[in-house]
Structure formats: structure tokens, C-alpha cells
Amino acid sequence: MPRLKSMKNPLLVYTLARLGIFAGVLTVLLLLNFAPIVAVIIATMLSFSFSLIFLRKQREASSAKIYDAINKPKKTGDENAEDEN
């Protein structure tokens, strides 16, 4: 996946990778003539398992981005006043 590595938003990369795994597994199960609802349930469980095993780097990068966004330093009143000018 060299193209995904060049993307800047790790949350988007992780989400698209998980959706891709789900779609792939679901397609295979439907081609094997599983009932649609059963195929969706199995695909959900398998894609979750695969993402835990194979997408560790993407998951950690996404977690770090979310953590940084939540814990970025708050601006003080002085900094806000300076930004307004």
C-alpha cells in the first residue's frame, strides 16, 4: 500500500483500510453463497480480527493523532487577544 503511506491523515488511512478489509471479506463470503446477514456478521468479526492483527501501525498512528488533538495546549486569554489583532 505505498499510496496509503503518503496520505497525511492516519485516521483516514486506518478507516479506509478497515473498510477495504470488510468489503473484501464480505465479497468472498457472498460469492461463496452465504446468506447476506450471516455474511455481514462473519465479515464484521473477521475484519475486526484482521485489523487488530495487521493494522497495528495505522491504529497507533490514528490514536496518536487523536491524543494530540485532544491534549494540545490551550491558549490563554493573552494569546487569544494577540490572535484577534
C-alpha atoms as a PDB file:
ATOM      1  CA  MET A   1       0.000   0.000   0.000  1.00  0.00           C
ATOM      2  CA  PRO A   2       2.539   2.654  -0.984  1.00  0.00           C
ATOM      3  CA  ARG A   3      -0.161   5.164  -1.836  1.00  0.00           C
ATOM      4  CA  LEU A   4      -1.737   4.946   1.619  1.00  0.00           C
ATOM      5  CA  LYS A   5       1.596   5.688   3.283  1.00  0.00           C
ATOM      6  CA  SER A   6       1.798   9.028   1.504  1.00  0.00           C
ATOM      7  CA  MET A   7      -1.576  10.158   2.872  1.00  0.00           C
ATOM      8  CA  LYS A   8      -1.335  12.718   5.664  1.00  0.00           C
ATOM      9  CA  ASN A   9      -4.340  11.763   7.784  1.00  0.00           C
ATOM     10  CA  PRO A  10      -3.709   8.462   9.623  1.00  0.00           C
ATOM     11  CA  LEU A  11      -7.322   8.252  10.766  1.00  0.00           C
ATOM     12  CA  LEU A  12      -8.488   8.266   7.152  1.00  0.00           C
ATOM     13  CA  VAL A  13      -5.903   5.636   6.199  1.00  0.00           C
ATOM     14  CA  TYR A  14      -6.966   3.357   9.048  1.00  0.00           C
ATOM     15  CA  THR A  15     -10.666   3.769   8.308  1.00  0.00           C
ATOM     16  CA  LEU A  16     -10.243   3.083   4.590  1.00  0.00           C
ATOM     17  CA  ALA A  17      -8.076   0.044   5.295  1.00  0.00           C
ATOM     18  CA  ARG A  18     -10.682  -1.393   7.673  1.00  0.00           C
ATOM     19  CA  LEU A  19     -13.481  -0.760   5.197  1.00  0.00           C
ATOM     20  CA  GLY A  20     -11.422  -2.387   2.458  1.00  0.00           C
ATOM     21  CA  ILE A  21     -10.843  -5.494   4.550  1.00  0.00           C
ATOM     22  CA  PHE A  22     -14.549  -5.663   5.396  1.00  0.00           C
ATOM     23  CA  ALA A  23     -15.583  -5.259   1.761  1.00  0.00           C
ATOM     24  CA  GLY A  24     -13.120  -7.911   0.615  1.00  0.00           C
ATOM     25  CA  VAL A  25     -14.202 -10.469   3.194  1.00  0.00           C
ATOM     26  CA  LEU A  26     -17.887  -9.726   2.566  1.00  0.00           C
ATOM     27  CA  THR A  27     -17.424 -10.150  -1.195  1.00  0.00           C
ATOM     28  CA  VAL A  28     -15.736 -13.522  -0.737  1.00  0.00           C
ATOM     29  CA  LEU A  29     -18.446 -14.733   1.628  1.00  0.00           C
ATOM     30  CA  LEU A  30     -21.233 -13.622  -0.701  1.00  0.00           C
ATOM     31  CA  LEU A  31     -19.510 -15.328  -3.636  1.00  0.00           C
ATOM     32  CA  LEU A  32     -19.450 -18.500  -1.536  1.00  0.00           C
ATOM     33  CA  ASN A  33     -23.268 -18.217  -1.271  1.00  0.00           C
ATOM     34  CA  PHE A  34     -23.520 -17.369   2.417  1.00  0.00           C
ATOM     35  CA  ALA A  35     -26.804 -15.799   3.469  1.00  0.00           C
ATOM     36  CA  PRO A  36     -26.355 -11.994   3.332  1.00  0.00           C
ATOM     37  CA  ILE A  37     -26.986 -11.377   7.030  1.00  0.00           C
ATOM     38  CA  VAL A  38     -24.678 -14.210   8.044  1.00  0.00           C
ATOM     39  CA  ALA A  39     -22.044 -12.942   5.603  1.00  0.00           C
ATOM     40  CA  VAL A  40     -22.224  -9.446   7.118  1.00  0.00           C
ATOM     41  CA  ILE A  41     -21.867 -10.777  10.662  1.00  0.00           C
ATOM     42  CA  ILE A  42     -18.934 -13.033   9.782  1.00  0.00           C
ATOM     43  CA  ALA A  43     -17.272 -10.303   7.696  1.00  0.00           C
ATOM     44  CA  THR A  44     -17.588  -7.877  10.598  1.00  0.00           C
ATOM     45  CA  MET A  45     -15.966 -10.285  13.029  1.00  0.00           C
ATOM     46  CA  LEU A  46     -13.192 -11.286  10.622  1.00  0.00           C
ATOM     47  CA  SER A  47     -12.394  -7.741   9.527  1.00  0.00           C
ATOM     48  CA  PHE A  48     -12.189  -6.652  13.168  1.00  0.00           C
ATOM     49  CA  SER A  49      -9.791  -9.512  13.888  1.00  0.00           C
ATOM     50  CA  PHE A  50      -7.670  -8.814  10.800  1.00  0.00           C
ATOM     51  CA  SER A  51      -7.471  -5.120  11.617  1.00  0.00           C
ATOM     52  CA  LEU A  52      -6.262  -5.867  15.148  1.00  0.00           C
ATOM     53  CA  ILE A  53      -3.559  -8.163  13.809  1.00  0.00           C
ATOM     54  CA  PHE A  54      -2.431  -6.449  10.604  1.00  0.00           C
ATOM     55  CA  LEU A  55      -3.190  -2.740  11.037  1.00  0.00           C
ATOM     56  CA  ARG A  56      -1.325  -2.056  14.259  1.00  0.00           C
ATOM     57  CA  LYS A  57       0.829   0.765  12.848  1.00  0.00           C
ATOM     58  CA  GLN A  58      -2.148   2.552  11.343  1.00  0.00           C
ATOM     59  CA  ARG A  59      -4.174   2.157  14.556  1.00  0.00           C
ATOM     60  CA  GLU A  60      -1.337   3.543  16.673  1.00  0.00           C
ATOM     61  CA  ALA A  61      -0.853   6.499  14.318  1.00  0.00           C
ATOM     62  CA  SER A  62      -4.586   7.237  14.463  1.00  0.00           C
ATOM     63  CA  SER A  63      -4.586   7.025  18.250  1.00  0.00           C
ATOM     64  CA  ALA A  64      -1.606   9.372  18.462  1.00  0.00           C
ATOM     65  CA  LYS A  65      -3.296  11.929  16.204  1.00  0.00           C
ATOM     66  CA  ILE A  66      -6.490  11.839  18.281  1.00  0.00           C
ATOM     67  CA  TYR A  67      -4.492  12.084  21.519  1.00  0.00           C
ATOM     68  CA  ASP A  68      -2.543  15.076  20.204  1.00  0.00           C
ATOM     69  CA  ALA A  69      -5.734  16.813  19.087  1.00  0.00           C
ATOM     70  CA  ILE A  70      -7.368  16.345  22.483  1.00  0.00           C
ATOM     71  CA  ASN A  71      -4.325  17.229  24.574  1.00  0.00           C
ATOM     72  CA  LYS A  72      -2.913  20.167  22.635  1.00  0.00           C
ATOM     73  CA  PRO A  73      -2.101  23.141  24.847  1.00  0.00           C
ATOM     74  CA  LYS A  74      -4.964  25.519  25.489  1.00  0.00           C
ATOM     75  CA  LYS A  75      -4.478  29.158  24.538  1.00  0.00           C
ATOM     76  CA  THR A  76      -4.511  31.675  27.355  1.00  0.00           C
ATOM     77  CA  GLY A  77      -6.571  34.853  27.306  1.00  0.00           C
ATOM     78  CA  ASP A  78      -3.482  36.838  26.307  1.00  0.00           C
ATOM     79  CA  GLU A  79      -2.762  34.574  23.350  1.00  0.00           C
ATOM     80  CA  ASN A  80      -6.376  34.811  22.182  1.00  0.00           C
ATOM     81  CA  ALA A  81      -6.220  38.621  22.367  1.00  0.00           C
ATOM     82  CA  GLU A  82      -2.994  38.632  20.370  1.00  0.00           C
ATOM     83  CA  ASP A  83      -4.530  36.423  17.686  1.00  0.00           C
ATOM     84  CA  GLU A  84      -7.514  38.780  17.307  1.00  0.00           C
ATOM     85  CA  ASN A  85      -5.282  41.742  16.389  1.00  0.00           C
END
